[in-house]
PDB file of N, CA and C in Angstrom:
ATOM      1  N   MET A   1      73.217 -13.144   7.740  1.00  0.00           N
ATOM      2  CA  MET A   1      71.968 -13.856   7.669  1.00  0.00           C
ATOM      3  C   MET A   1      72.174 -15.275   8.177  1.00  0.00           C
ATOM      4  N   GLU A   2      71.226 -15.740   8.970  1.00  0.00           N
ATOM      5  CA  GLU A   2      71.203 -17.128   9.412  1.00  0.00           C
ATOM      6  C   GLU A   2      70.127 -17.835   8.607  1.00  0.00           C
ATOM      7  N   ALA A   3      70.447 -19.013   8.082  1.00  0.00           N
ATOM      8  CA  ALA A   3      69.475 -19.726   7.251  1.00  0.00           C
ATOM      9  C   ALA A   3      69.611 -21.232   7.428  1.00  0.00           C
ATOM     10  N   ILE A   4      68.483 -21.899   7.317  1.00  0.00           N
ATOM     11  CA  ILE A   4      68.452 -23.353   7.255  1.00  0.00           C
ATOM     12  C   ILE A   4      67.443 -23.708   6.184  1.00  0.00           C
ATOM     13  N   GLY A   5      67.739 -24.721   5.409  1.00  0.00           N
ATOM     14  CA  GLY A   5      66.845 -25.047   4.319  1.00  0.00           C
ATOM     15  C   GLY A   5      66.738 -26.527   4.068  1.00  0.00           C
ATOM     16  N   ALA A   6      65.784 -26.860   3.240  1.00  0.00           N
ATOM     17  CA  ALA A   6      65.567 -28.242   2.834  1.00  0.00           C
ATOM     18  C   ALA A   6      65.101 -28.243   1.389  1.00  0.00           C
ATOM     19  N   GLN A   7      65.418 -29.328   0.691  1.00  0.00           N
ATOM     20  CA  GLN A   7      64.959 -29.475  -0.685  1.00  0.00           C
ATOM     21  C   GLN A   7      63.992 -30.660  -0.737  1.00  0.00           C
ATOM     22  N   PHE A   8      62.864 -30.440  -1.394  1.00  0.00           N
ATOM     23  CA  PHE A   8      61.826 -31.451  -1.504  1.00  0.00           C
ATOM     24  C   PHE A   8      61.593 -31.765  -2.975  1.00  0.00           C
ATOM     25  N   THR A   9      61.182 -32.977  -3.245  1.00  0.00           N
ATOM     26  CA  THR A   9      60.719 -33.345  -4.574  1.00  0.00           C
ATOM     27  C   THR A   9      59.238 -33.650  -4.453  1.00  0.00           C
ATOM     28  N   LEU A  10      58.424 -32.841  -5.113  1.00  0.00           N
ATOM     29  CA  LEU A  10      56.970 -32.994  -5.072  1.00  0.00           C
ATOM     30  C   LEU A  10      56.508 -33.653  -6.370  1.00  0.00           C
ATOM     31  N   ARG A  11      55.631 -34.620  -6.274  1.00  0.00           N
ATOM     32  CA  ARG A  11      55.195 -35.386  -7.456  1.00  0.00           C
ATOM     33  C   ARG A  11      54.724 -34.516  -8.606  1.00  0.00           C
ATOM     34  N   ARG A  12      53.866 -33.576  -8.333  1.00  0.00           N
ATOM     35  CA  ARG A  12      53.290 -32.775  -9.420  1.00  0.00           C
ATOM     36  C   ARG A  12      54.027 -31.474  -9.678  1.00  0.00           C
ATOM     37  N   PHE A  13      55.073 -31.230  -8.911  1.00  0.00           N
ATOM     38  CA  PHE A  13      55.742 -29.933  -8.993  1.00  0.00           C
ATOM     39  C   PHE A  13      57.224 -30.048  -9.315  1.00  0.00           C
ATOM     40  N   GLY A  14      57.868 -31.095  -8.828  1.00  0.00           N
ATOM     41  CA  GLY A  14      59.309 -31.250  -9.008  1.00  0.00           C
ATOM     42  C   GLY A  14      60.050 -30.745  -7.779  1.00  0.00           C
ATOM     43  N   LEU A  15      61.259 -30.247  -7.977  1.00  0.00           N
ATOM     44  CA  LEU A  15      62.074 -29.766  -6.865  1.00  0.00           C
ATOM     45  C   LEU A  15      61.537 -28.464  -6.283  1.00  0.00           C
ATOM     46  N   LEU A  16      61.674 -28.321  -4.965  1.00  0.00           N
ATOM     47  CA  LEU A  16      61.290 -27.097  -4.266  1.00  0.00           C
ATOM     48  C   LEU A  16      62.247 -26.906  -3.100  1.00  0.00           C
ATOM     49  N   ASN A  17      62.880 -25.743  -3.029  1.00  0.00           N
ATOM     50  CA  ASN A  17      63.742 -25.386  -1.901  1.00  0.00           C
ATOM     51  C   ASN A  17      62.952 -24.502  -0.941  1.00  0.00           C
ATOM     52  N   ILE A  18      63.020 -24.823   0.352  1.00  0.00           N
ATOM     53  CA  ILE A  18      62.366 -24.012   1.371  1.00  0.00           C
ATOM     54  C   ILE A  18      63.415 -23.636   2.410  1.00  0.00           C
ATOM     55  N   TYR A  19      63.488 -22.333   2.719  1.00  0.00           N
ATOM     56  CA  TYR A  19      64.463 -21.819   3.679  1.00  0.00           C
ATOM     57  C   TYR A  19      63.760 -21.027   4.770  1.00  0.00           C
ATOM     58  N   SER A  20      64.252 -21.177   5.972  1.00  0.00           N
ATOM     59  CA  SER A  20      63.854 -20.331   7.091  1.00  0.00           C
ATOM     60  C   SER A  20      65.057 -19.454   7.397  1.00  0.00           C
ATOM     61  N   ILE A  21      64.857 -18.124   7.415  1.00  0.00           N
ATOM     62  CA  ILE A  21      66.003 -17.236   7.600  1.00  0.00           C
ATOM     63  C   ILE A  21      65.746 -16.212   8.707  1.00  0.00           C
ATOM     64  N   TYR A  22      66.853 -15.704   9.201  1.00  0.00           N
ATOM     65  CA  TYR A  22      66.813 -14.615  10.176  1.00  0.00           C
ATOM     66  C   TYR A  22      67.910 -13.629   9.809  1.00  0.00           C
ATOM     67  N   VAL A  23      67.540 -12.377   9.659  1.00  0.00           N
ATOM     68  CA  VAL A  23      68.495 -11.305   9.405  1.00  0.00           C
ATOM     69  C   VAL A  23      68.525 -10.444  10.664  1.00  0.00           C
ATOM     70  N   PRO A  24      69.616 -10.530  11.447  1.00  0.00           N
ATOM     71  CA  PRO A  24      69.691  -9.720  12.674  1.00  0.00           C
ATOM     72  C   PRO A  24      69.562  -8.228  12.360  1.00  0.00           C
ATOM     73  N   PRO A  25      68.881  -7.473  13.226  1.00  0.00           N
ATOM     74  CA  PRO A  25      68.626  -6.057  12.934  1.00  0.00           C
ATOM     75  C   PRO A  25      69.884  -5.207  12.834  1.00  0.00           C
ATOM     76  N   ARG A  26      70.947  -5.581  13.462  1.00  0.00           N
ATOM     77  CA  ARG A  26      72.154  -4.742  13.408  1.00  0.00           C
ATOM     78  C   ARG A  26      73.199  -5.239  12.411  1.00  0.00           C
ATOM     79  N   ARG A  27      72.960  -6.402  11.804  1.00  0.00           N
ATOM     80  CA  ARG A  27      73.917  -6.932  10.846  1.00  0.00           C
ATOM     81  C   ARG A  27      73.746  -6.278   9.480  1.00  0.00           C
ATOM     82  N   GLY A  28      72.520  -6.067   9.093  1.00  0.00           N
ATOM     83  CA  GLY A  28      72.251  -5.460   7.795  1.00  0.00           C
ATOM     84  C   GLY A  28      71.791  -6.485   6.780  1.00  0.00           C
ATOM     85  N   PHE A  29      70.827  -6.107   5.978  1.00  0.00           N
ATOM     86  CA  PHE A  29      70.300  -6.979   4.937  1.00  0.00           C
ATOM     87  C   PHE A  29      71.155  -6.836   3.695  1.00  0.00           C
ATOM     88  N   ASP A  30      71.672  -7.947   3.208  1.00  0.00           N
ATOM     89  CA  ASP A  30      72.473  -7.957   1.989  1.00  0.00           C
ATOM     90  C   ASP A  30      71.734  -8.811   0.962  1.00  0.00           C
ATOM     91  N   PRO A  31      71.228  -8.215  -0.119  1.00  0.00           N
ATOM     92  CA  PRO A  31      70.484  -8.977  -1.120  1.00  0.00           C
ATOM     93  C   PRO A  31      71.275 -10.146  -1.703  1.00  0.00           C
ATOM     94  N   ARG A  32      72.595 -10.075  -1.676  1.00  0.00           N
ATOM     95  CA  ARG A  32      73.395 -11.186  -2.191  1.00  0.00           C
ATOM     96  C   ARG A  32      73.170 -12.452  -1.374  1.00  0.00           C
ATOM     97  N   ASP A  33      72.839 -12.311  -0.081  1.00  0.00           N
ATOM     98  CA  ASP A  33      72.533 -13.483   0.743  1.00  0.00           C
ATOM     99  C   ASP A  33      71.292 -14.195   0.213  1.00  0.00           C
ATOM    100  N   VAL A  34      70.249 -13.442  -0.104  1.00  0.00           N
ATOM    101  CA  VAL A  34      69.027 -14.028  -0.650  1.00  0.00           C
ATOM    102  C   VAL A  34      69.307 -14.599  -2.039  1.00  0.00           C
ATOM    103  N   ASP A  35      70.127 -13.917  -2.812  1.00  0.00           N
ATOM    104  CA  ASP A  35      70.462 -14.364  -4.163  1.00  0.00           C
ATOM    105  C   ASP A  35      71.122 -15.741  -4.138  1.00  0.00           C
ATOM    106  N   ARG A  36      71.918 -16.015  -3.126  1.00  0.00           N
ATOM    107  CA  ARG A  36      72.570 -17.328  -3.008  1.00  0.00           C
ATOM    108  C   ARG A  36      71.552 -18.443  -2.783  1.00  0.00           C
ATOM    109  N   LEU A  37      70.432 -18.119  -2.148  1.00  0.00           N
ATOM    110  CA  LEU A  37      69.398 -19.113  -1.881  1.00  0.00           C
ATOM    111  C   LEU A  37      68.476 -19.321  -3.080  1.00  0.00           C
ATOM    112  N   LEU A  38      68.257 -18.274  -3.851  1.00  0.00           N
ATOM    113  CA  LEU A  38      67.313 -18.329  -4.975  1.00  0.00           C
ATOM    114  C   LEU A  38      68.054 -18.691  -6.255  1.00  0.00           C
ATOM    115  N   THR A  39      68.307 -19.981  -6.443  1.00  0.00           N
ATOM    116  CA  THR A  39      69.007 -20.437  -7.639  1.00  0.00           C
ATOM    117  C   THR A  39      68.132 -20.209  -8.866  1.00  0.00           C
ATOM    118  N   PRO A  40      68.753 -20.059 -10.036  1.00  0.00           N
ATOM    119  CA  PRO A  40      67.982 -19.686 -11.230  1.00  0.00           C
ATOM    120  C   PRO A  40      66.843 -20.624 -11.604  1.00  0.00           C
ATOM    121  N   ASP A  41      67.024 -21.936 -11.492  1.00  0.00           N
ATOM    122  CA  ASP A  41      66.034 -22.858 -12.032  1.00  0.00           C
ATOM    123  C   ASP A  41      65.142 -23.539 -10.993  1.00  0.00           C
ATOM    124  N   THR A  42      65.540 -23.568  -9.750  1.00  0.00           N
ATOM    125  CA  THR A  42      64.778 -24.306  -8.745  1.00  0.00           C
ATOM    126  C   THR A  42      63.789 -23.385  -8.032  1.00  0.00           C
ATOM    127  N   PRO A  43      62.515 -23.738  -8.026  1.00  0.00           N
ATOM    128  CA  PRO A  43      61.540 -22.951  -7.271  1.00  0.00           C
ATOM    129  C   PRO A  43      61.934 -22.896  -5.797  1.00  0.00           C
ATOM    130  N   ALA A  44      61.706 -21.742  -5.185  1.00  0.00           N
ATOM    131  CA  ALA A  44      62.133 -21.579  -3.792  1.00  0.00           C
ATOM    132  C   ALA A  44      61.167 -20.685  -3.028  1.00  0.00           C
ATOM    133  N   LEU A  45      61.131 -20.951  -1.720  1.00  0.00           N
ATOM    134  CA  LEU A  45      60.354 -20.161  -0.791  1.00  0.00           C
ATOM    135  C   LEU A  45      61.301 -19.830   0.358  1.00  0.00           C
ATOM    136  N   VAL A  46      61.525 -18.536   0.598  1.00  0.00           N
ATOM    137  CA  VAL A  46      62.394 -18.059   1.673  1.00  0.00           C
ATOM    138  C   VAL A  46      61.505 -17.299   2.641  1.00  0.00           C
ATOM    139  N   ALA A  47      61.441 -17.770   3.881  1.00  0.00           N
ATOM    140  CA  ALA A  47      60.532 -17.158   4.846  1.00  0.00           C
ATOM    141  C   ALA A  47      61.236 -16.923   6.166  1.00  0.00           C
ATOM    142  N   GLY A  48      60.865 -15.834   6.830  1.00  0.00           N
ATOM    143  CA  GLY A  48      61.408 -15.592   8.152  1.00  0.00           C
ATOM    144  C   GLY A  48      61.469 -14.128   8.511  1.00  0.00           C
ATOM    145  N   ASP A  49      62.231 -13.865   9.548  1.00  0.00           N
ATOM    146  CA  ASP A  49      62.412 -12.512  10.069  1.00  0.00           C
ATOM    147  C   ASP A  49      63.521 -11.835   9.289  1.00  0.00           C
ATOM    148  N   LEU A  50      63.126 -11.078   8.279  1.00  0.00           N
ATOM    149  CA  LEU A  50      64.101 -10.382   7.443  1.00  0.00           C
ATOM    150  C   LEU A  50      64.430  -8.998   7.988  1.00  0.00           C
ATOM    151  N   ASN A  51      63.649  -8.524   8.965  1.00  0.00           N
ATOM    152  CA  ASN A  51      63.815  -7.166   9.483  1.00  0.00           C
ATOM    153  C   ASN A  51      63.830  -6.146   8.354  1.00  0.00           C
ATOM    154  N   ALA A  52      63.128  -6.454   7.277  1.00  0.00           N
ATOM    155  CA  ALA A  52      63.048  -5.580   6.104  1.00  0.00           C
ATOM    156  C   ALA A  52      61.644  -4.992   6.044  1.00  0.00           C
ATOM    157  N   LYS A  53      61.534  -3.735   6.403  1.00  0.00           N
ATOM    158  CA  LYS A  53      60.223  -3.070   6.434  1.00  0.00           C
ATOM    159  C   LYS A  53      60.034  -2.208   5.185  1.00  0.00           C
ATOM    160  N   HIS A  54      58.832  -2.290   4.638  1.00  0.00           N
ATOM    161  CA  HIS A  54      58.473  -1.424   3.515  1.00  0.00           C
ATOM    162  C   HIS A  54      56.979  -1.147   3.586  1.00  0.00           C
ATOM    163  N   ARG A  55      56.605   0.080   3.388  1.00  0.00           N
ATOM    164  CA  ARG A  55      55.186   0.447   3.443  1.00  0.00           C
ATOM    165  C   ARG A  55      54.352  -0.342   2.431  1.00  0.00           C
ATOM    166  N   LEU A  56      54.955  -0.699   1.317  1.00  0.00           N
ATOM    167  CA  LEU A  56      54.251  -1.463   0.290  1.00  0.00           C
ATOM    168  C   LEU A  56      53.792  -2.818   0.822  1.00  0.00           C
ATOM    169  N   TRP A  57      54.473  -3.351   1.837  1.00  0.00           N
ATOM    170  CA  TRP A  57      54.137  -4.655   2.417  1.00  0.00           C
ATOM    171  C   TRP A  57      53.288  -4.511   3.674  1.00  0.00           C
ATOM    172  N   GLY A  58      52.809  -3.314   3.962  1.00  0.00           N
ATOM    173  CA  GLY A  58      51.951  -3.096   5.117  1.00  0.00           C
ATOM    174  C   GLY A  58      52.689  -2.714   6.384  1.00  0.00           C
ATOM    175  N   CYS A  59      53.980  -2.475   6.291  1.00  0.00           N
ATOM    176  CA  CYS A  59      54.765  -2.065   7.460  1.00  0.00           C
ATOM    177  C   CYS A  59      54.462  -0.604   7.794  1.00  0.00           C
ATOM    178  N   ARG A  60      54.740  -0.230   9.033  1.00  0.00           N
ATOM    179  CA  ARG A  60      54.468   1.146   9.472  1.00  0.00           C
ATOM    180  C   ARG A  60      55.397   2.143   8.797  1.00  0.00           C
ATOM    181  N   ALA A  61      56.597   1.713   8.421  1.00  0.00           N
ATOM    182  CA  ALA A  61      57.582   2.593   7.785  1.00  0.00           C
ATOM    183  C   ALA A  61      58.466   1.747   6.874  1.00  0.00           C
ATOM    184  N   THR A  62      59.293   2.412   6.100  1.00  0.00           N
ATOM    185  CA  THR A  62      60.278   1.730   5.260  1.00  0.00           C
ATOM    186  C   THR A  62      61.650   1.947   5.870  1.00  0.00           C
ATOM    187  N   ASN A  63      62.407   0.855   6.046  1.00  0.00           N
ATOM    188  CA  ASN A  63      63.775   0.993   6.542  1.00  0.00           C
ATOM    189  C   ASN A  63      64.762   0.643   5.431  1.00  0.00           C
ATOM    190  N   ALA A  64      66.049   0.774   5.710  1.00  0.00           N
ATOM    191  CA  ALA A  64      67.082   0.534   4.698  1.00  0.00           C
ATOM    192  C   ALA A  64      67.030  -0.902   4.179  1.00  0.00           C
ATOM    193  N   TYR A  65      66.797  -1.882   5.074  1.00  0.00           N
ATOM    194  CA  TYR A  65      66.716  -3.282   4.638  1.00  0.00           C
ATOM    195  C   TYR A  65      65.535  -3.476   3.697  1.00  0.00           C
ATOM    196  N   GLY A  66      64.411  -2.849   4.034  1.00  0.00           N
ATOM    197  CA  GLY A  66      63.227  -2.943   3.189  1.00  0.00           C
ATOM    198  C   GLY A  66      63.473  -2.343   1.814  1.00  0.00           C
ATOM    199  N   SER A  67      64.160  -1.226   1.766  1.00  0.00           N
ATOM    200  CA  SER A  67      64.493  -0.601   0.475  1.00  0.00           C
ATOM    201  C   SER A  67      65.397  -1.504  -0.357  1.00  0.00           C
ATOM    202  N   ARG A  68      66.370  -2.134   0.299  1.00  0.00           N
ATOM    203  CA  ARG A  68      67.266  -3.047  -0.426  1.00  0.00           C
ATOM    204  C   ARG A  68      66.515  -4.262  -0.962  1.00  0.00           C
ATOM    205  N   LEU A  69      65.621  -4.827  -0.145  1.00  0.00           N
ATOM    206  CA  LEU A  69      64.846  -5.970  -0.611  1.00  0.00           C
ATOM    207  C   LEU A  69      63.902  -5.554  -1.736  1.00  0.00           C
ATOM    208  N   PHE A  70      63.274  -4.413  -1.613  1.00  0.00           N
ATOM    209  CA  PHE A  70      62.393  -3.902  -2.667  1.00  0.00           C
ATOM    210  C   PHE A  70      63.162  -3.765  -3.984  1.00  0.00           C
ATOM    211  N   ASP A  71      64.362  -3.168  -3.927  1.00  0.00           N
ATOM    212  CA  ASP A  71      65.189  -3.005  -5.131  1.00  0.00           C
ATOM    213  C   ASP A  71      65.588  -4.358  -5.715  1.00  0.00           C
ATOM    214  N   TYR A  72      65.922  -5.315  -4.841  1.00  0.00           N
ATOM    215  CA  TYR A  72      66.308  -6.651  -5.300  1.00  0.00           C
ATOM    216  C   TYR A  72      65.150  -7.312  -6.048  1.00  0.00           C
ATOM    217  N   VAL A  73      63.964  -7.258  -5.470  1.00  0.00           N
ATOM    218  CA  VAL A  73      62.792  -7.886  -6.076  1.00  0.00           C
ATOM    219  C   VAL A  73      62.440  -7.214  -7.405  1.00  0.00           C
ATOM    220  N   ALA A  74      62.627  -5.912  -7.487  1.00  0.00           N
ATOM    221  CA  ALA A  74      62.334  -5.191  -8.735  1.00  0.00           C
ATOM    222  C   ALA A  74      63.236  -5.650  -9.876  1.00  0.00           C
ATOM    223  N   LEU A  75      64.436  -6.127  -9.555  1.00  0.00           N
ATOM    224  CA  LEU A  75      65.403  -6.529 -10.585  1.00  0.00           C
ATOM    225  C   LEU A  75      65.485  -8.031 -10.799  1.00  0.00           C
ATOM    226  N   ASN A  76      64.743  -8.812 -10.011  1.00  0.00           N
ATOM    227  CA  ASN A  76      64.840 -10.273 -10.084  1.00  0.00           C
ATOM    228  C   ASN A  76      63.448 -10.896 -10.165  1.00  0.00           C
ATOM    229  N   PRO A  77      63.361 -12.102 -10.729  1.00  0.00           N
ATOM    230  CA  PRO A  77      62.054 -12.753 -10.899  1.00  0.00           C
ATOM    231  C   PRO A  77      61.572 -13.423  -9.607  1.00  0.00           C
ATOM    232  N   CYS A  78      61.247 -12.607  -8.622  1.00  0.00           N
ATOM    233  CA  CYS A  78      60.712 -13.122  -7.364  1.00  0.00           C
ATOM    234  C   CYS A  78      59.717 -12.106  -6.813  1.00  0.00           C
ATOM    235  N   THR A  79      58.971 -12.531  -5.814  1.00  0.00           N
ATOM    236  CA  THR A  79      57.954 -11.660  -5.219  1.00  0.00           C
ATOM    237  C   THR A  79      58.024 -11.746  -3.700  1.00  0.00           C
ATOM    238  N   VAL A  80      57.593 -10.671  -3.046  1.00  0.00           N
ATOM    239  CA  VAL A  80      57.516 -10.630  -1.587  1.00  0.00           C
ATOM    240  C   VAL A  80      56.054 -10.776  -1.190  1.00  0.00           C
ATOM    241  N   HIS A  81      55.819 -11.646  -0.203  1.00  0.00           N
ATOM    242  CA  HIS A  81      54.464 -11.875   0.297  1.00  0.00           C
ATOM    243  C   HIS A  81      54.452 -11.601   1.795  1.00  0.00           C
ATOM    244  N   PRO A  82      53.854 -10.488   2.192  1.00  0.00           N
ATOM    245  CA  PRO A  82      53.741 -10.195   3.620  1.00  0.00           C
ATOM    246  C   PRO A  82      52.511 -10.880   4.202  1.00  0.00           C
ATOM    247  N   PRO A  83      52.484 -11.040   5.508  1.00  0.00           N
ATOM    248  CA  PRO A  83      51.263 -11.537   6.140  1.00  0.00           C
ATOM    249  C   PRO A  83      50.202 -10.441   6.147  1.00  0.00           C
ATOM    250  N   ASN A  84      48.996 -10.808   6.505  1.00  0.00           N
ATOM    251  CA  ASN A  84      47.889  -9.851   6.492  1.00  0.00           C
ATOM    252  C   ASN A  84      47.769  -9.043   7.775  1.00  0.00           C
ATOM    253  N   GLU A  85      48.662  -9.276   8.742  1.00  0.00           N
ATOM    254  CA  GLU A  85      48.637  -8.538  10.005  1.00  0.00           C
ATOM    255  C   GLU A  85      50.045  -8.542  10.612  1.00  0.00           C
ATOM    256  N   PRO A  86      50.282  -7.699  11.622  1.00  0.00           N
ATOM    257  CA  PRO A  86      51.625  -7.633  12.222  1.00  0.00           C
ATOM    258  C   PRO A  86      52.094  -8.977  12.789  1.00  0.00           C
ATOM    259  N   THR A  87      53.405  -9.160  12.770  1.00  0.00           N
ATOM    260  CA  THR A  87      54.020 -10.366  13.325  1.00  0.00           C
ATOM    261  C   THR A  87      54.917 -10.050  14.516  1.00  0.00           C
ATOM    262  N   PHE A  88      55.194  -8.772  14.741  1.00  0.00           N
ATOM    263  CA  PHE A  88      56.122  -8.358  15.795  1.00  0.00           C
ATOM    264  C   PHE A  88      55.376  -7.549  16.852  1.00  0.00           C
ATOM    265  N   PHE A  89      55.496  -7.983  18.095  1.00  0.00           N
ATOM    266  CA  PHE A  89      54.843  -7.309  19.213  1.00  0.00           C
ATOM    267  C   PHE A  89      55.834  -7.191  20.362  1.00  0.00           C
ATOM    268  N   ARG A  90      56.046  -5.975  20.844  1.00  0.00           N
ATOM    269  CA  ARG A  90      56.929  -5.765  21.987  1.00  0.00           C
ATOM    270  C   ARG A  90      56.361  -4.607  22.794  1.00  0.00           C
ATOM    271  N   PRO A  91      56.327  -4.746  24.126  1.00  0.00           N
ATOM    272  CA  PRO A  91      55.830  -3.635  24.950  1.00  0.00           C
ATOM    273  C   PRO A  91      56.601  -2.346  24.667  1.00  0.00           C
ATOM    274  N   GLY A  92      55.870  -1.268  24.525  1.00  0.00           N
ATOM    275  CA  GLY A  92      56.488   0.025  24.261  1.00  0.00           C
ATOM    276  C   GLY A  92      56.756   0.298  22.789  1.00  0.00           C
ATOM    277  N   ALA A  93      56.496  -0.683  21.935  1.00  0.00           N
ATOM    278  CA  ALA A  93      56.696  -0.499  20.493  1.00  0.00           C
ATOM    279  C   ALA A  93      55.393  -0.832  19.777  1.00  0.00           C
ATOM    280  N   ALA A  94      55.132  -0.139  18.703  1.00  0.00           N
ATOM    281  CA  ALA A  94      53.925  -0.418  17.924  1.00  0.00           C
ATOM    282  C   ALA A  94      54.091  -1.733  17.173  1.00  0.00           C
ATOM    283  N   PRO A  95      53.037  -2.545  17.062  1.00  0.00           N
ATOM    284  CA  PRO A  95      53.119  -3.786  16.285  1.00  0.00           C
ATOM    285  C   PRO A  95      53.526  -3.489  14.846  1.00  0.00           C
ATOM    286  N   ASP A  96      54.257  -4.420  14.241  1.00  0.00           N
ATOM    287  CA  ASP A  96      54.710  -4.211  12.870  1.00  0.00           C
ATOM    288  C   ASP A  96      54.950  -5.550  12.193  1.00  0.00           C
ATOM    289  N   ILE A  97      55.226  -5.500  10.920  1.00  0.00           N
ATOM    290  CA  ILE A  97      55.524  -6.690  10.131  1.00  0.00           C
ATOM    291  C   ILE A  97      57.040  -6.758   9.924  1.00  0.00           C
ATOM    292  N   LEU A  98      57.666  -7.807  10.443  1.00  0.00           N
ATOM    293  CA  LEU A  98      59.096  -8.042  10.231  1.00  0.00           C
ATOM    294  C   LEU A  98      59.316  -9.354   9.485  1.00  0.00           C
ATOM    295  N   ASP A  99      58.311 -10.204   9.470  1.00  0.00           N
ATOM    296  CA  ASP A  99      58.439 -11.537   8.892  1.00  0.00           C
ATOM    297  C   ASP A  99      57.768 -11.565   7.525  1.00  0.00           C
ATOM    298  N   LEU A 100      58.510 -12.026   6.526  1.00  0.00           N
ATOM    299  CA  LEU A 100      58.049 -12.002   5.144  1.00  0.00           C
ATOM    300  C   LEU A 100      58.345 -13.334   4.470  1.00  0.00           C
ATOM    301  N   VAL A 101      57.731 -13.534   3.310  1.00  0.00           N
ATOM    302  CA  VAL A 101      58.015 -14.683   2.463  1.00  0.00           C
ATOM    303  C   VAL A 101      58.442 -14.150   1.102  1.00  0.00           C
ATOM    304  N   VAL A 102      59.595 -14.624   0.619  1.00  0.00           N
ATOM    305  CA  VAL A 102      60.071 -14.288  -0.721  1.00  0.00           C
ATOM    306  C   VAL A 102      59.957 -15.565  -1.551  1.00  0.00           C
ATOM    307  N   VAL A 103      59.324 -15.453  -2.716  1.00  0.00           N
ATOM    308  CA  VAL A 103      59.028 -16.610  -3.551  1.00  0.00           C
ATOM    309  C   VAL A 103      59.634 -16.423  -4.927  1.00  0.00           C
ATOM    310  N   LYS A 104      60.189 -17.532  -5.448  1.00  0.00           N
ATOM    311  CA  LYS A 104      60.729 -17.501  -6.810  1.00  0.00           C
ATOM    312  C   LYS A 104      60.306 -18.774  -7.540  1.00  0.00           C
ATOM    313  N   ASN A 105      59.780 -18.607  -8.738  1.00  0.00           N
ATOM    314  CA  ASN A 105      59.409 -19.710  -9.623  1.00  0.00           C
ATOM    315  C   ASN A 105      58.362 -20.655  -9.037  1.00  0.00           C
ATOM    316  N   ILE A 106      57.432 -20.137  -8.272  1.00  0.00           N
ATOM    317  CA  ILE A 106      56.329 -20.951  -7.762  1.00  0.00           C
ATOM    318  C   ILE A 106      55.063 -20.464  -8.459  1.00  0.00           C
ATOM    319  N   PRO A 107      54.490 -21.320  -9.313  1.00  0.00           N
ATOM    320  CA  PRO A 107      53.368 -20.884 -10.149  1.00  0.00           C
ATOM    321  C   PRO A 107      51.995 -20.994  -9.488  1.00  0.00           C
ATOM    322  N   SER A 108      51.921 -20.773  -8.210  1.00  0.00           N
ATOM    323  CA  SER A 108      50.620 -20.814  -7.553  1.00  0.00           C
ATOM    324  C   SER A 108      50.510 -19.656  -6.569  1.00  0.00           C
ATOM    325  N   THR A 109      49.324 -19.446  -6.065  1.00  0.00           N
ATOM    326  CA  THR A 109      49.075 -18.358  -5.131  1.00  0.00           C
ATOM    327  C   THR A 109      49.715 -18.659  -3.785  1.00  0.00           C
ATOM    328  N   VAL A 110      50.328 -17.659  -3.195  1.00  0.00           N
ATOM    329  CA  VAL A 110      50.936 -17.794  -1.874  1.00  0.00           C
ATOM    330  C   VAL A 110      50.080 -17.009  -0.897  1.00  0.00           C
ATOM    331  N   ASN A 111      49.589 -17.681   0.127  1.00  0.00           N
ATOM    332  CA  ASN A 111      48.771 -17.049   1.154  1.00  0.00           C
ATOM    333  C   ASN A 111      49.539 -17.133   2.470  1.00  0.00           C
ATOM    334  N   VAL A 112      49.841 -16.005   3.082  1.00  0.00           N
ATOM    335  CA  VAL A 112      50.615 -15.965   4.322  1.00  0.00           C
ATOM    336  C   VAL A 112      49.680 -15.560   5.451  1.00  0.00           C
ATOM    337  N   GLU A 113      49.568 -16.427   6.452  1.00  0.00           N
ATOM    338  CA  GLU A 113      48.720 -16.164   7.609  1.00  0.00           C
ATOM    339  C   GLU A 113      49.563 -16.121   8.867  1.00  0.00           C
ATOM    340  N   VAL A 114      49.172 -15.299   9.816  1.00  0.00           N
ATOM    341  CA  VAL A 114      49.857 -15.185  11.098  1.00  0.00           C
ATOM    342  C   VAL A 114      49.239 -16.182  12.074  1.00  0.00           C
ATOM    343  N   ILE A 115      50.093 -16.896  12.780  1.00  0.00           N
ATOM    344  CA  ILE A 115      49.646 -17.872  13.774  1.00  0.00           C
ATOM    345  C   ILE A 115      50.165 -17.421  15.131  1.00  0.00           C
ATOM    346  N   SER A 116      49.281 -17.121  16.050  1.00  0.00           N
ATOM    347  CA  SER A 116      49.698 -16.631  17.367  1.00  0.00           C
ATOM    348  C   SER A 116      49.721 -17.782  18.375  1.00  0.00           C
ATOM    349  N   GLU A 117      50.639 -18.721  18.187  1.00  0.00           N
ATOM    350  CA  GLU A 117      50.698 -19.913  19.018  1.00  0.00           C
ATOM    351  C   GLU A 117      51.911 -19.953  19.943  1.00  0.00           C
ATOM    352  N   LEU A 118      52.894 -19.103  19.737  1.00  0.00           N
ATOM    353  CA  LEU A 118      54.124 -19.173  20.509  1.00  0.00           C
ATOM    354  C   LEU A 118      54.232 -18.017  21.490  1.00  0.00           C
ATOM    355  N   SER A 119      54.995 -18.204  22.548  1.00  0.00           N
ATOM    356  CA  SER A 119      55.238 -17.109  23.494  1.00  0.00           C
ATOM    357  C   SER A 119      56.538 -16.426  23.087  1.00  0.00           C
ATOM    358  N   SER A 120      56.425 -15.521  22.140  1.00  0.00           N
ATOM    359  CA  SER A 120      57.573 -14.811  21.587  1.00  0.00           C
ATOM    360  C   SER A 120      57.117 -13.410  21.227  1.00  0.00           C
ATOM    361  N   ASP A 121      58.077 -12.521  20.930  1.00  0.00           N
ATOM    362  CA  ASP A 121      57.684 -11.203  20.441  1.00  0.00           C
ATOM    363  C   ASP A 121      57.391 -11.229  18.942  1.00  0.00           C
ATOM    364  N   HIS A 122      57.498 -12.429  18.337  1.00  0.00           N
ATOM    365  CA  HIS A 122      57.149 -12.636  16.930  1.00  0.00           C
ATOM    366  C   HIS A 122      56.089 -13.721  16.843  1.00  0.00           C
ATOM    367  N   ASN A 123      55.113 -13.509  15.989  1.00  0.00           N
ATOM    368  CA  ASN A 123      54.166 -14.565  15.653  1.00  0.00           C
ATOM    369  C   ASN A 123      54.619 -15.150  14.329  1.00  0.00           C
ATOM    370  N   PRO A 124      54.682 -16.468  14.213  1.00  0.00           N
ATOM    371  CA  PRO A 124      55.114 -17.044  12.931  1.00  0.00           C
ATOM    372  C   PRO A 124      54.097 -16.792  11.857  1.00  0.00           C
ATOM    373  N   SER A 125      54.601 -16.666  10.617  1.00  0.00           N
ATOM    374  CA  SER A 125      53.703 -16.494   9.477  1.00  0.00           C
ATOM    375  C   SER A 125      53.991 -17.566   8.460  1.00  0.00           C
TER     376      SER A 125
END
């Protein structure tokens, strides 16, 4: 997993960690990588291309990474927030959702929207 993050102190909220991550499709999703980012007490938002597909998140199919992330979330106090539409577009392949947001200890609603502003096979969410 590739990750970059920042920690913010918000007046009405306190500390917040935000990470942008990329899980290469052939490397494999390891929930321990996400666990290292989601510390027990600090609220965190982990967003990016996890290559973790699960039908529960609106993906066309469930893959091994998606199953691992689903199992991780079921056992830990965090939630997965998919966008409301596909983020991945490539000629010859059906559009799908590869980009997700994982949230821990954030007591407000998370709304994920797709922004089609970049010339990439991914739209940021």
